[in-house]
Amino acid sequence: MRFALGLEYDGAAYAGWQHQGHARTVQQVVEAAISSVAAEPIKVVAAGRTDAGVHATHQVVHFDSAASRRDRGWVLGANRNLPRDVAALWIVPVAAAFDARRSALRRSYRYLIVNRPQRSALAAGRATWVHAPLDAGTMHDAAQALVGEHDFSAFRAAACEAPSARRRVERIAVVRRGDLLTVDVTANAFLHHMVRNIVGSLLAIGRGERAVGWLGELLRARRRAAAGATAPAGGLYLVDVEYPAEHGLPRGRLPEVPV
């Protein structure tokens, strides 16, 4: 049978999602935990390959197993074997054609920024601290230039292996709630470091170092070297992966960070 599994994790202690021979990854600990429950080797496929230090409140994976377990048994068993910074949330039997990556309609990320003169002890590692005042309204207005289908070469990492830089951003919003700024981005798919590179450029606009139209200029120029620095990984969360309704999968939730 094929199963879809929902996960959340704090990515601070991991070298990203995907298997690496030299470092501990989220995929590694998840596969070990589910294999223990299934009493057979299990391989999982994820909706998104989050980078080192990036978190998730709603990662979705699929795996195949011949083991007979109740849904509750899968989740409880996985959590008994997972480290404290990774948790299984739910499991749903799915059709054999379901693919956590290819079946996804869209993905959503949230980036968290604590914007105040003093750093936050409680949000350390879970939000990026910027001490200089940021104009969230200007950042939001600038970000709207990215909505639609474009070539996002200016916002992809040099090591990105995607065959095409074209992606469709459906929504991007920058909102301030007290000292906390959130940057929400929904797209059909993302390039390597795409959200963090967008946020890095938005920060330059929010500090008044660049004009509102700069993001659109970067998009048209398609040169990564012209854009802002890559924002730190600790502020980024994979918060939702949406699938066709017939799969019956739960939707994501947004992170809560004390500041």
C-alpha atoms as a PDB file:
ATOM      1  CA  MET A   1       0.000   0.000   0.000  1.00  0.00           C
ATOM      2  CA  ARG A   2       1.009   3.596  -0.514  1.00  0.00           C
ATOM      3  CA  PHE A   3       0.706   6.111   2.319  1.00  0.00           C
ATOM      4  CA  ALA A   4       0.982   9.902   2.573  1.00  0.00           C
ATOM      5  CA  LEU A   5       2.525  11.098   5.832  1.00  0.00           C
ATOM      6  CA  GLY A   6       2.524  14.633   7.277  1.00  0.00           C
ATOM      7  CA  LEU A   7       5.601  15.822   9.173  1.00  0.00           C
ATOM      8  CA  GLU A   8       6.836  18.827  11.097  1.00  0.00           C
ATOM      9  CA  TYR A   9      10.436  19.470  12.076  1.00  0.00           C
ATOM     10  CA  ASP A  10      12.941  21.935  13.405  1.00  0.00           C
ATOM     11  CA  GLY A  11      15.678  21.871  10.776  1.00  0.00           C
ATOM     12  CA  ALA A  12      18.404  23.518  12.874  1.00  0.00           C
ATOM     13  CA  ALA A  13      20.276  20.274  13.620  1.00  0.00           C
ATOM     14  CA  TYR A  14      20.053  18.817  10.101  1.00  0.00           C
ATOM     15  CA  ALA A  15      21.902  19.220   6.810  1.00  0.00           C
ATOM     16  CA  GLY A  16      18.579  19.609   5.026  1.00  0.00           C
ATOM     17  CA  TRP A  17      15.941  17.100   3.996  1.00  0.00           C
ATOM     18  CA  GLN A  18      17.702  14.933   1.437  1.00  0.00           C
ATOM     19  CA  HIS A  19      20.103  12.067   2.140  1.00  0.00           C
ATOM     20  CA  GLN A  20      23.775  13.026   2.317  1.00  0.00           C
ATOM     21  CA  GLY A  21      26.630  10.672   2.895  1.00  0.00           C
ATOM     22  CA  HIS A  22      28.513  12.975   5.284  1.00  0.00           C
ATOM     23  CA  ALA A  23      25.789  14.484   7.460  1.00  0.00           C
ATOM     24  CA  ARG A  24      22.539  13.776   9.319  1.00  0.00           C
ATOM     25  CA  THR A  25      19.376  14.693   7.408  1.00  0.00           C
ATOM     26  CA  VAL A  26      15.648  14.718   8.112  1.00  0.00           C
ATOM     27  CA  GLN A  27      15.007  12.075   5.450  1.00  0.00           C
ATOM     28  CA  GLN A  28      17.497   9.787   7.157  1.00  0.00           C
ATOM     29  CA  VAL A  29      15.805   9.883  10.570  1.00  0.00           C
ATOM     30  CA  VAL A  30      12.296   9.663   9.089  1.00  0.00           C
ATOM     31  CA  GLU A  31      13.130   6.579   7.034  1.00  0.00           C
ATOM     32  CA  ALA A  32      14.781   4.920  10.032  1.00  0.00           C
ATOM     33  CA  ALA A  33      11.723   5.572  12.217  1.00  0.00           C
ATOM     34  CA  ILE A  34       9.154   4.300   9.702  1.00  0.00           C
ATOM     35  CA  SER A  35      11.291   1.286   8.833  1.00  0.00           C
ATOM     36  CA  SER A  36      11.265   0.339  12.500  1.00  0.00           C
ATOM     37  CA  VAL A  37       7.460   0.495  12.606  1.00  0.00           C
ATOM     38  CA  ALA A  38       7.062  -1.424   9.332  1.00  0.00           C
ATOM     39  CA  ALA A  39       9.753  -3.996  10.208  1.00  0.00           C
ATOM     40  CA  GLU A  40      11.089  -3.561   6.665  1.00  0.00           C
ATOM     41  CA  PRO A  41      13.266  -1.009   4.827  1.00  0.00           C
ATOM     42  CA  ILE A  42      11.233   2.076   3.872  1.00  0.00           C
ATOM     43  CA  LYS A  43      12.113   4.842   1.437  1.00  0.00           C
ATOM     44  CA  VAL A  44      10.181   8.130   1.446  1.00  0.00           C
ATOM     45  CA  VAL A  45       9.644  10.775  -1.248  1.00  0.00           C
ATOM     46  CA  ALA A  46       9.061  14.358  -0.067  1.00  0.00           C
ATOM     47  CA  ALA A  47       7.026  17.218  -1.491  1.00  0.00           C
ATOM     48  CA  GLY A  48       9.922  19.634  -0.944  1.00  0.00           C
ATOM     49  CA  ARG A  49      13.648  19.205  -0.323  1.00  0.00           C
ATOM     50  CA  THR A  50      14.174  21.793   2.391  1.00  0.00           C
ATOM     51  CA  ASP A  51      17.706  23.153   2.856  1.00  0.00           C
ATOM     52  CA  ALA A  52      19.976  22.885   5.879  1.00  0.00           C
ATOM     53  CA  GLY A  53      18.472  24.760   8.823  1.00  0.00           C
ATOM     54  CA  VAL A  54      15.035  25.202   7.211  1.00  0.00           C
ATOM     55  CA  HIS A  55      11.973  24.125   9.193  1.00  0.00           C
ATOM     56  CA  ALA A  56       8.609  22.613   8.246  1.00  0.00           C
ATOM     57  CA  THR A  57       5.175  22.722   9.822  1.00  0.00           C
ATOM     58  CA  HIS A  58       3.688  20.703   6.950  1.00  0.00           C
ATOM     59  CA  GLN A  59       6.066  18.524   4.970  1.00  0.00           C
ATOM     60  CA  VAL A  60       4.337  15.722   3.055  1.00  0.00           C
ATOM     61  CA  VAL A  61       5.989  12.438   2.071  1.00  0.00           C
ATOM     62  CA  HIS A  62       4.809   9.186   0.556  1.00  0.00           C
ATOM     63  CA  PHE A  63       6.064   5.653   1.074  1.00  0.00           C
ATOM     64  CA  ASP A  64       5.085   2.099   0.161  1.00  0.00           C
ATOM     65  CA  SER A  65       4.793  -0.757   2.642  1.00  0.00           C
ATOM     66  CA  ALA A  66       3.308  -4.228   2.838  1.00  0.00           C
ATOM     67  CA  ALA A  67       3.024  -3.925   6.631  1.00  0.00           C
ATOM     68  CA  SER A  68      -0.461  -3.980   8.161  1.00  0.00           C
ATOM     69  CA  ARG A  69      -0.770  -1.215  10.766  1.00  0.00           C
ATOM     70  CA  ARG A  70      -3.600   1.008  11.956  1.00  0.00           C
ATOM     71  CA  ASP A  71      -3.199   4.687  11.047  1.00  0.00           C
ATOM     72  CA  ARG A  72      -2.759   5.529  14.725  1.00  0.00           C
ATOM     73  CA  GLY A  73      -0.128   2.828  15.030  1.00  0.00           C
ATOM     74  CA  TRP A  74       1.918   4.286  12.166  1.00  0.00           C
ATOM     75  CA  VAL A  75       1.905   7.779  13.695  1.00  0.00           C
ATOM     76  CA  LEU A  76       2.521   6.738  17.309  1.00  0.00           C
ATOM     77  CA  GLY A  77       5.178   4.243  16.276  1.00  0.00           C
ATOM     78  CA  ALA A  78       6.987   6.758  14.099  1.00  0.00           C
ATOM     79  CA  ASN A  79       6.997   9.350  16.874  1.00  0.00           C
ATOM     80  CA  ARG A  80       8.400   6.858  19.369  1.00  0.00           C
ATOM     81  CA  ASN A  81      11.368   6.359  17.045  1.00  0.00           C
ATOM     82  CA  LEU A  82      11.842   9.924  15.811  1.00  0.00           C
ATOM     83  CA  PRO A  83      14.091  12.467  17.571  1.00  0.00           C
ATOM     84  CA  ARG A  84      12.366  15.232  19.527  1.00  0.00           C
ATOM     85  CA  ASP A  85      12.806  17.810  16.750  1.00  0.00           C
ATOM     86  CA  VAL A  86      10.888  15.751  14.144  1.00  0.00           C
ATOM     87  CA  ALA A  87       7.249  14.623  14.488  1.00  0.00           C
ATOM     88  CA  ALA A  88       4.703  12.696  12.423  1.00  0.00           C
ATOM     89  CA  LEU A  89       1.333  14.475  12.382  1.00  0.00           C
ATOM     90  CA  TRP A  90      -1.007  12.283  10.322  1.00  0.00           C
ATOM     91  CA  ILE A  91      -1.094   9.431   7.814  1.00  0.00           C
ATOM     92  CA  VAL A  92      -3.546   8.767   4.971  1.00  0.00           C
ATOM     93  CA  PRO A  93      -3.675   5.722   2.645  1.00  0.00           C
ATOM     94  CA  VAL A  94      -3.505   6.997  -0.946  1.00  0.00           C
ATOM     95  CA  ALA A  95      -3.777   5.630  -4.473  1.00  0.00           C
ATOM     96  CA  ALA A  96      -0.725   3.982  -5.987  1.00  0.00           C
ATOM     97  CA  ALA A  97      -0.439   6.844  -8.487  1.00  0.00           C
ATOM     98  CA  PHE A  98      -0.049   9.459  -5.731  1.00  0.00           C
ATOM     99  CA  ASP A  99       3.371  11.124  -5.618  1.00  0.00           C
ATOM    100  CA  ALA A 100       4.180  13.583  -2.828  1.00  0.00           C
ATOM    101  CA  ARG A 101       6.288  15.719  -5.166  1.00  0.00           C
ATOM    102  CA  ARG A 102       4.679  15.366  -8.584  1.00  0.00           C
ATOM    103  CA  SER A 103       1.039  15.351  -7.434  1.00  0.00           C
ATOM    104  CA  ALA A 104       1.367  18.662  -5.547  1.00  0.00           C
ATOM    105  CA  LEU A 105      -0.554  21.599  -7.000  1.00  0.00           C
ATOM    106  CA  ARG A 106       1.289  24.293  -5.069  1.00  0.00           C
ATOM    107  CA  ARG A 107       3.572  24.830  -2.094  1.00  0.00           C
ATOM    108  CA  SER A 108       3.674  27.625   0.478  1.00  0.00           C
ATOM    109  CA  TYR A 109       6.564  28.952   2.534  1.00  0.00           C
ATOM    110  CA  ARG A 110       6.595  31.497   5.352  1.00  0.00           C
ATOM    111  CA  TYR A 111       9.645  33.532   6.339  1.00  0.00           C
ATOM    112  CA  LEU A 112       9.732  35.077   9.832  1.00  0.00           C
ATOM    113  CA  ILE A 113      11.621  38.259  10.722  1.00  0.00           C
ATOM    114  CA  VAL A 114      11.917  39.775  14.202  1.00  0.00           C
ATOM    115  CA  ASN A 115      12.336  43.505  13.609  1.00  0.00           C
ATOM    116  CA  ARG A 116      13.361  45.412  16.711  1.00  0.00           C
ATOM    117  CA  PRO A 117      16.588  46.888  18.165  1.00  0.00           C
ATOM    118  CA  GLN A 118      17.091  43.973  20.570  1.00  0.00           C
ATOM    119  CA  ARG A 119      17.559  40.368  19.495  1.00  0.00           C
ATOM    120  CA  SER A 120      14.985  37.798  20.628  1.00  0.00           C
ATOM    121  CA  ALA A 121      16.149  34.997  22.878  1.00  0.00           C
ATOM    122  CA  LEU A 122      12.920  33.025  22.384  1.00  0.00           C
ATOM    123  CA  ALA A 123      12.914  33.249  18.580  1.00  0.00           C
ATOM    124  CA  ALA A 124      16.616  32.435  18.149  1.00  0.00           C
ATOM    125  CA  GLY A 125      17.044  29.902  15.338  1.00  0.00           C
ATOM    126  CA  ARG A 126      13.358  30.166  14.410  1.00  0.00           C
ATOM    127  CA  ALA A 127      13.211  33.700  13.017  1.00  0.00           C
ATOM    128  CA  THR A 128      15.735  36.096  11.518  1.00  0.00           C
ATOM    129  CA  TRP A 129      16.547  39.183  13.566  1.00  0.00           C
ATOM    130  CA  VAL A 130      16.877  42.541  11.766  1.00  0.00           C
ATOM    131  CA  HIS A 131      17.609  45.491  14.060  1.00  0.00           C
ATOM    132  CA  ALA A 132      17.205  48.263  11.457  1.00  0.00           C
ATOM    133  CA  PRO A 133      13.577  49.444  10.970  1.00  0.00           C
ATOM    134  CA  LEU A 134      11.810  47.754   8.042  1.00  0.00           C
ATOM    135  CA  ASP A 135       8.941  49.220   6.020  1.00  0.00           C
ATOM    136  CA  ALA A 136       6.651  46.201   5.574  1.00  0.00           C
ATOM    137  CA  GLY A 137       4.250  48.092   3.322  1.00  0.00           C
ATOM    138  CA  THR A 138       6.996  49.027   0.879  1.00  0.00           C
ATOM    139  CA  MET A 139       8.303  45.438   0.931  1.00  0.00           C
ATOM    140  CA  HIS A 140       4.815  44.129   0.159  1.00  0.00           C
ATOM    141  CA  ASP A 141       4.323  46.545  -2.718  1.00  0.00           C
ATOM    142  CA  ALA A 142       7.716  45.662  -4.201  1.00  0.00           C
ATOM    143  CA  ALA A 143       7.035  41.929  -3.923  1.00  0.00           C
ATOM    144  CA  GLN A 144       3.958  42.102  -6.152  1.00  0.00           C
ATOM    145  CA  ALA A 145       6.270  42.370  -9.185  1.00  0.00           C
ATOM    146  CA  LEU A 146       7.027  38.664  -8.667  1.00  0.00           C
ATOM    147  CA  VAL A 147       3.430  37.429  -8.945  1.00  0.00           C
ATOM    148  CA  GLY A 148       2.811  35.432 -12.119  1.00  0.00           C
ATOM    149  CA  GLU A 149       4.924  33.096 -14.223  1.00  0.00           C
ATOM    150  CA  HIS A 150       8.464  34.369 -14.699  1.00  0.00           C
ATOM    151  CA  ASP A 151      12.069  33.318 -15.127  1.00  0.00           C
ATOM    152  CA  PHE A 152      13.411  33.495 -11.550  1.00  0.00           C
ATOM    153  CA  SER A 153      17.099  33.152 -12.451  1.00  0.00           C
ATOM    154  CA  ALA A 154      17.891  36.217 -10.323  1.00  0.00           C
ATOM    155  CA  PHE A 155      16.663  34.360  -7.243  1.00  0.00           C
ATOM    156  CA  ARG A 156      18.078  30.852  -7.735  1.00  0.00           C
ATOM    157  CA  ALA A 157      21.215  29.487  -6.088  1.00  0.00           C
ATOM    158  CA  ALA A 158      24.293  28.943  -8.221  1.00  0.00           C
ATOM    159  CA  ALA A 159      24.112  25.234  -7.352  1.00  0.00           C
ATOM    160  CA  CYS A 160      20.442  24.914  -8.411  1.00  0.00           C
ATOM    161  CA  GLU A 161      20.034  21.899 -10.708  1.00  0.00           C
ATOM    162  CA  ALA A 162      16.504  22.639 -11.967  1.00  0.00           C
ATOM    163  CA  PRO A 163      16.397  22.414 -15.788  1.00  0.00           C
ATOM    164  CA  SER A 164      14.257  25.567 -16.002  1.00  0.00           C
ATOM    165  CA  ALA A 165      14.085  28.712 -13.876  1.00  0.00           C
ATOM    166  CA  ARG A 166      10.441  29.401 -14.790  1.00  0.00           C
ATOM    167  CA  ARG A 167       8.072  29.234 -11.851  1.00  0.00           C
ATOM    168  CA  ARG A 168       4.568  30.553 -11.153  1.00  0.00           C
ATOM    169  CA  VAL A 169       4.202  32.622  -8.002  1.00  0.00           C
ATOM    170  CA  GLU A 170       0.525  32.771  -7.083  1.00  0.00           C
ATOM    171  CA  ARG A 171       0.761  34.960  -3.996  1.00  0.00           C
ATOM    172  CA  ILE A 172       3.345  36.879  -2.009  1.00  0.00           C
ATOM    173  CA  ALA A 173       2.545  39.019   1.016  1.00  0.00           C
ATOM    174  CA  VAL A 174       4.578  40.913   3.608  1.00  0.00           C
ATOM    175  CA  VAL A 175       2.723  41.696   6.837  1.00  0.00           C
ATOM    176  CA  ARG A 176       3.821  43.253  10.128  1.00  0.00           C
ATOM    177  CA  ARG A 177       2.307  42.189  13.462  1.00  0.00           C
ATOM    178  CA  GLY A 178       4.092  44.160  16.147  1.00  0.00           C
ATOM    179  CA  ASP A 179       7.787  43.267  16.016  1.00  0.00           C
ATOM    180  CA  LEU A 180       7.187  40.268  13.750  1.00  0.00           C
ATOM    181  CA  LEU A 181       7.210  40.463   9.941  1.00  0.00           C
ATOM    182  CA  THR A 182       5.975  37.529   7.884  1.00  0.00           C
ATOM    183  CA  VAL A 183       6.747  36.942   4.214  1.00  0.00           C
ATOM    184  CA  ASP A 184       4.328  34.403   2.709  1.00  0.00           C
ATOM    185  CA  VAL A 185       5.000  32.964  -0.742  1.00  0.00           C
ATOM    186  CA  THR A 186       2.852  30.426  -2.622  1.00  0.00           C
ATOM    187  CA  ALA A 187       4.002  28.976  -5.959  1.00  0.00           C
ATOM    188  CA  ASN A 188       3.622  25.877  -8.085  1.00  0.00           C
ATOM    189  CA  ALA A 189       7.247  25.005  -7.234  1.00  0.00           C
ATOM    190  CA  PHE A 190      10.431  26.664  -5.978  1.00  0.00           C
ATOM    191  CA  LEU A 191      14.051  26.872  -7.058  1.00  0.00           C
ATOM    192  CA  HIS A 192      16.989  26.229  -4.724  1.00  0.00           C
ATOM    193  CA  HIS A 193      17.198  29.152  -2.220  1.00  0.00           C
ATOM    194  CA  MET A 194      14.457  31.002  -4.137  1.00  0.00           C
ATOM    195  CA  VAL A 195      12.481  32.225  -1.110  1.00  0.00           C
ATOM    196  CA  ARG A 196      15.585  33.140   0.891  1.00  0.00           C
ATOM    197  CA  ASN A 197      17.009  35.091  -2.054  1.00  0.00           C
ATOM    198  CA  ILE A 198      13.720  36.941  -2.536  1.00  0.00           C
ATOM    199  CA  VAL A 199      13.632  37.815   1.167  1.00  0.00           C
ATOM    200  CA  GLY A 200      17.243  39.009   1.070  1.00  0.00           C
ATOM    201  CA  SER A 201      16.351  41.475  -1.692  1.00  0.00           C
ATOM    202  CA  LEU A 202      13.153  42.540   0.081  1.00  0.00           C
ATOM    203  CA  LEU A 203      15.172  43.382   3.195  1.00  0.00           C
ATOM    204  CA  ALA A 204      17.288  45.818   1.191  1.00  0.00           C
ATOM    205  CA  ILE A 205      14.071  47.502   0.013  1.00  0.00           C
ATOM    206  CA  GLY A 206      12.589  47.495   3.523  1.00  0.00           C
ATOM    207  CA  ARG A 207      15.673  49.258   4.903  1.00  0.00           C
ATOM    208  CA  GLY A 208      15.377  51.927   2.218  1.00  0.00           C
ATOM    209  CA  GLU A 209      18.583  50.917   0.442  1.00  0.00           C
ATOM    210  CA  ARG A 210      16.735  50.096  -2.794  1.00  0.00           C
ATOM    211  CA  ALA A 211      13.672  51.482  -4.560  1.00  0.00           C
ATOM    212  CA  VAL A 212      10.309  49.705  -4.757  1.00  0.00           C
ATOM    213  CA  GLY A 213      10.855  48.876  -8.449  1.00  0.00           C
ATOM    214  CA  TRP A 214      14.182  47.140  -7.864  1.00  0.00           C
ATOM    215  CA  LEU A 215      12.676  43.642  -7.528  1.00  0.00           C
ATOM    216  CA  GLY A 216      11.070  43.927 -10.956  1.00  0.00           C
ATOM    217  CA  GLU A 217      14.384  45.084 -12.403  1.00  0.00           C
ATOM    218  CA  LEU A 218      16.141  42.053 -10.921  1.00  0.00           C
ATOM    219  CA  LEU A 219      13.500  39.742 -12.352  1.00  0.00           C
ATOM    220  CA  ARG A 220      14.028  41.129 -15.838  1.00  0.00           C
ATOM    221  CA  ALA A 221      17.837  41.136 -15.561  1.00  0.00           C
ATOM    222  CA  ARG A 222      17.924  37.421 -14.565  1.00  0.00           C
ATOM    223  CA  ARG A 223      21.311  37.838 -12.850  1.00  0.00           C
ATOM    224  CA  ARG A 224      21.725  36.372  -9.367  1.00  0.00           C
ATOM    225  CA  ALA A 225      24.811  38.504  -8.706  1.00  0.00           C
ATOM    226  CA  ALA A 226      22.734  41.687  -8.959  1.00  0.00           C
ATOM    227  CA  ALA A 227      20.220  40.648  -6.271  1.00  0.00           C
ATOM    228  CA  GLY A 228      20.414  40.852  -2.485  1.00  0.00           C
ATOM    229  CA  ALA A 229      22.159  38.463  -0.110  1.00  0.00           C
ATOM    230  CA  THR A 230      20.585  35.102   0.745  1.00  0.00           C
ATOM    231  CA  ALA A 231      18.524  35.451   3.934  1.00  0.00           C
ATOM    232  CA  PRO A 232      19.416  33.047   6.794  1.00  0.00           C
ATOM    233  CA  ALA A 233      17.845  29.591   6.757  1.00  0.00           C
ATOM    234  CA  GLY A 234      16.468  29.699  10.305  1.00  0.00           C
ATOM    235  CA  GLY A 235      13.584  32.020   9.416  1.00  0.00           C
ATOM    236  CA  LEU A 236      12.131  29.811   6.675  1.00  0.00           C
ATOM    237  CA  TYR A 237       9.291  27.281   7.043  1.00  0.00           C
ATOM    238  CA  LEU A 238       7.538  24.975   4.589  1.00  0.00           C
ATOM    239  CA  VAL A 239       3.968  25.548   5.784  1.00  0.00           C
ATOM    240  CA  ASP A 240       1.627  23.936   3.263  1.00  0.00           C
ATOM    241  CA  VAL A 241       1.507  21.578   0.288  1.00  0.00           C
ATOM    242  CA  GLU A 242      -1.797  21.446  -1.575  1.00  0.00           C
ATOM    243  CA  TYR A 243      -3.017  18.410  -3.527  1.00  0.00           C
ATOM    244  CA  PRO A 244      -6.137  17.618  -5.549  1.00  0.00           C
ATOM    245  CA  ALA A 245      -9.114  17.156  -3.217  1.00  0.00           C
ATOM    246  CA  GLU A 246      -9.624  13.498  -4.146  1.00  0.00           C
ATOM    247  CA  HIS A 247      -6.529  12.527  -2.142  1.00  0.00           C
ATOM    248  CA  GLY A 248      -8.183  13.745   1.080  1.00  0.00           C
ATOM    249  CA  LEU A 249      -5.020  15.130   2.670  1.00  0.00           C
ATOM    250  CA  PRO A 250      -4.974  17.671   5.517  1.00  0.00           C
ATOM    251  CA  ARG A 251      -3.796  21.235   4.866  1.00  0.00           C
ATOM    252  CA  GLY A 252      -0.885  22.948   6.564  1.00  0.00           C
ATOM    253  CA  ARG A 253      -0.610  25.310   9.503  1.00  0.00           C
ATOM    254  CA  LEU A 254       1.419  28.442  10.146  1.00  0.00           C
ATOM    255  CA  PRO A 255       4.317  28.608  12.631  1.00  0.00           C
ATOM    256  CA  GLU A 256       3.991  30.485  15.908  1.00  0.00           C
ATOM    257  CA  VAL A 257       7.153  32.165  17.160  1.00  0.00           C
ATOM    258  CA  PRO A 258       7.349  34.113  20.459  1.00  0.00           C
ATOM    259  CA  VAL A 259       9.123  37.454  20.223  1.00  0.00           C
END
